[in-house]
Protein backbone atom coordinates (compact mmCIF):
# COMPACT_ATOMS: atom_id res chain seq x y z
CA UNK A 1 -30.38 -70.57 105.59
CA UNK A 2 -33.46 -72.53 106.62
CA UNK A 3 -33.77 -76.22 106.06
CA UNK A 4 -36.86 -77.40 104.27
CA UNK A 5 -38.76 -80.13 106.09
CA UNK A 6 -39.15 -83.27 104.00
CA UNK A 7 -42.63 -84.72 104.04
CA UNK A 8 -42.90 -88.41 104.75
CA UNK A 9 -45.95 -90.27 103.59
CA UNK A 10 -47.22 -93.63 104.70
CA UNK A 11 -47.22 -96.55 102.33
CA UNK A 12 -51.02 -96.66 102.44
CA UNK A 13 -51.21 -92.99 101.44
CA UNK A 14 -48.83 -93.53 98.53
CA UNK A 15 -50.75 -96.60 97.33
CA UNK A 16 -54.05 -94.72 97.54
CA UNK A 17 -52.61 -91.76 95.66
CA UNK A 18 -51.21 -94.03 92.93
CA UNK A 19 -54.52 -95.86 92.59
CA UNK A 20 -56.37 -92.56 92.41
CA UNK A 21 -53.95 -91.21 89.78
CA UNK A 22 -54.29 -94.33 87.63
CA UNK A 23 -58.06 -94.73 87.96
CA UNK A 24 -59.18 -91.10 87.92
CA UNK A 25 -60.09 -88.96 84.94
CA UNK A 26 -58.37 -86.00 86.59
CA UNK A 27 -54.82 -85.01 85.73
CA UNK A 28 -51.97 -85.98 88.00
CA UNK A 29 -51.16 -82.35 88.88
CA UNK A 30 -54.80 -81.79 89.90
CA UNK A 31 -54.86 -84.95 92.02
CA UNK A 32 -51.54 -83.95 93.61
CA UNK A 33 -52.91 -80.51 94.42
CA UNK A 34 -56.04 -82.05 95.99
CA UNK A 35 -53.91 -84.39 98.10
CA UNK A 36 -51.42 -81.70 99.10
CA UNK A 37 -48.53 -83.47 97.39
CA UNK A 38 -46.03 -82.07 94.92
CA UNK A 39 -47.03 -83.16 91.41
CA UNK A 40 -43.48 -84.36 90.67
CA UNK A 41 -43.66 -86.57 93.73
CA UNK A 42 -46.90 -88.14 92.54
CA UNK A 43 -45.44 -88.63 89.05
CA UNK A 44 -42.46 -90.41 90.64
CA UNK A 45 -44.72 -92.67 92.71
CA UNK A 46 -46.77 -93.61 89.66
CA UNK A 47 -43.65 -94.23 87.58
CA UNK A 48 -42.06 -96.42 90.28
CA UNK A 49 -45.29 -98.38 90.71
CA UNK A 50 -45.34 -99.20 87.01
CA UNK A 51 -41.83 -100.69 87.08
CA UNK A 52 -41.58 -104.47 87.27
CA UNK A 53 -40.75 -105.75 90.71
CA UNK A 54 -37.35 -107.30 91.48
CA UNK A 55 -38.88 -110.69 92.30
CA UNK A 56 -39.90 -111.24 88.69
CA UNK A 57 -36.24 -111.17 87.71
CA UNK A 58 -35.47 -113.96 90.15
CA UNK A 59 -38.25 -116.12 88.76
CA UNK A 60 -37.22 -115.23 85.24
CA UNK A 61 -33.60 -116.15 85.94
CA UNK A 62 -34.63 -119.51 87.40
CA UNK A 63 -36.80 -120.32 84.41
CA UNK A 64 -33.99 -119.24 82.07
CA UNK A 65 -31.53 -121.49 83.91
CA UNK A 66 -33.93 -124.42 83.68
CA UNK A 67 -34.41 -123.77 79.97
CA UNK A 68 -30.64 -123.64 79.43
CA UNK A 69 -30.19 -126.96 81.27
CA UNK A 70 -32.92 -128.56 79.19
CA UNK A 71 -31.44 -127.27 75.95
CA UNK A 72 -27.93 -128.43 76.89
CA UNK A 73 -29.27 -131.95 77.50
CA UNK A 74 -31.06 -131.86 74.16
CA UNK A 75 -27.91 -130.68 72.35
CA UNK A 76 -25.92 -133.51 73.95
CA UNK A 77 -28.52 -136.11 72.92
CA UNK A 78 -28.75 -134.79 69.37
CA UNK A 79 -24.95 -134.70 69.05
CA UNK A 80 -24.77 -138.33 70.15
CA UNK A 81 -27.51 -139.31 67.69
CA UNK A 82 -25.71 -137.50 64.88
CA UNK A 83 -22.44 -139.27 65.69
CA UNK A 84 -24.19 -142.65 65.67
CA UNK A 85 -25.79 -141.90 62.31
CA UNK A 86 -22.41 -140.83 60.86
CA UNK A 87 -20.86 -144.13 61.97
CA UNK A 88 -23.80 -146.10 60.58
CA UNK A 89 -23.59 -144.26 57.26
CA UNK A 90 -19.84 -144.93 57.06
CA UNK A 91 -20.42 -148.63 57.87
CA UNK A 92 -23.08 -149.09 55.20
CA UNK A 93 -20.99 -147.13 52.67
CA UNK A 94 -18.14 -149.64 53.17
CA UNK A 95 -20.42 -152.64 52.49
CA UNK A 96 -21.73 -151.16 49.27
CA UNK A 97 -18.26 -150.60 47.77
């Protein structure tokens, strides 16, 4: 049984092929044929390029954590204000009676 040689492509080649596939009016299989690449391979490259990068999750997590901290502080302040207003209402209710 013969082993099939796997083609390795440079990052520049992949980026060029993806750009061509996204910007061209030609179909992806036609572009793949012109470049000498399997059409499934080109589809995979295009699909992976359209995925959000991992770094956006890190930035998103940090902004979410900051938002959570801010909201926790706000909840604490509002809870304290509510408790003060309850005590004030109870105090003024006693004077009226």
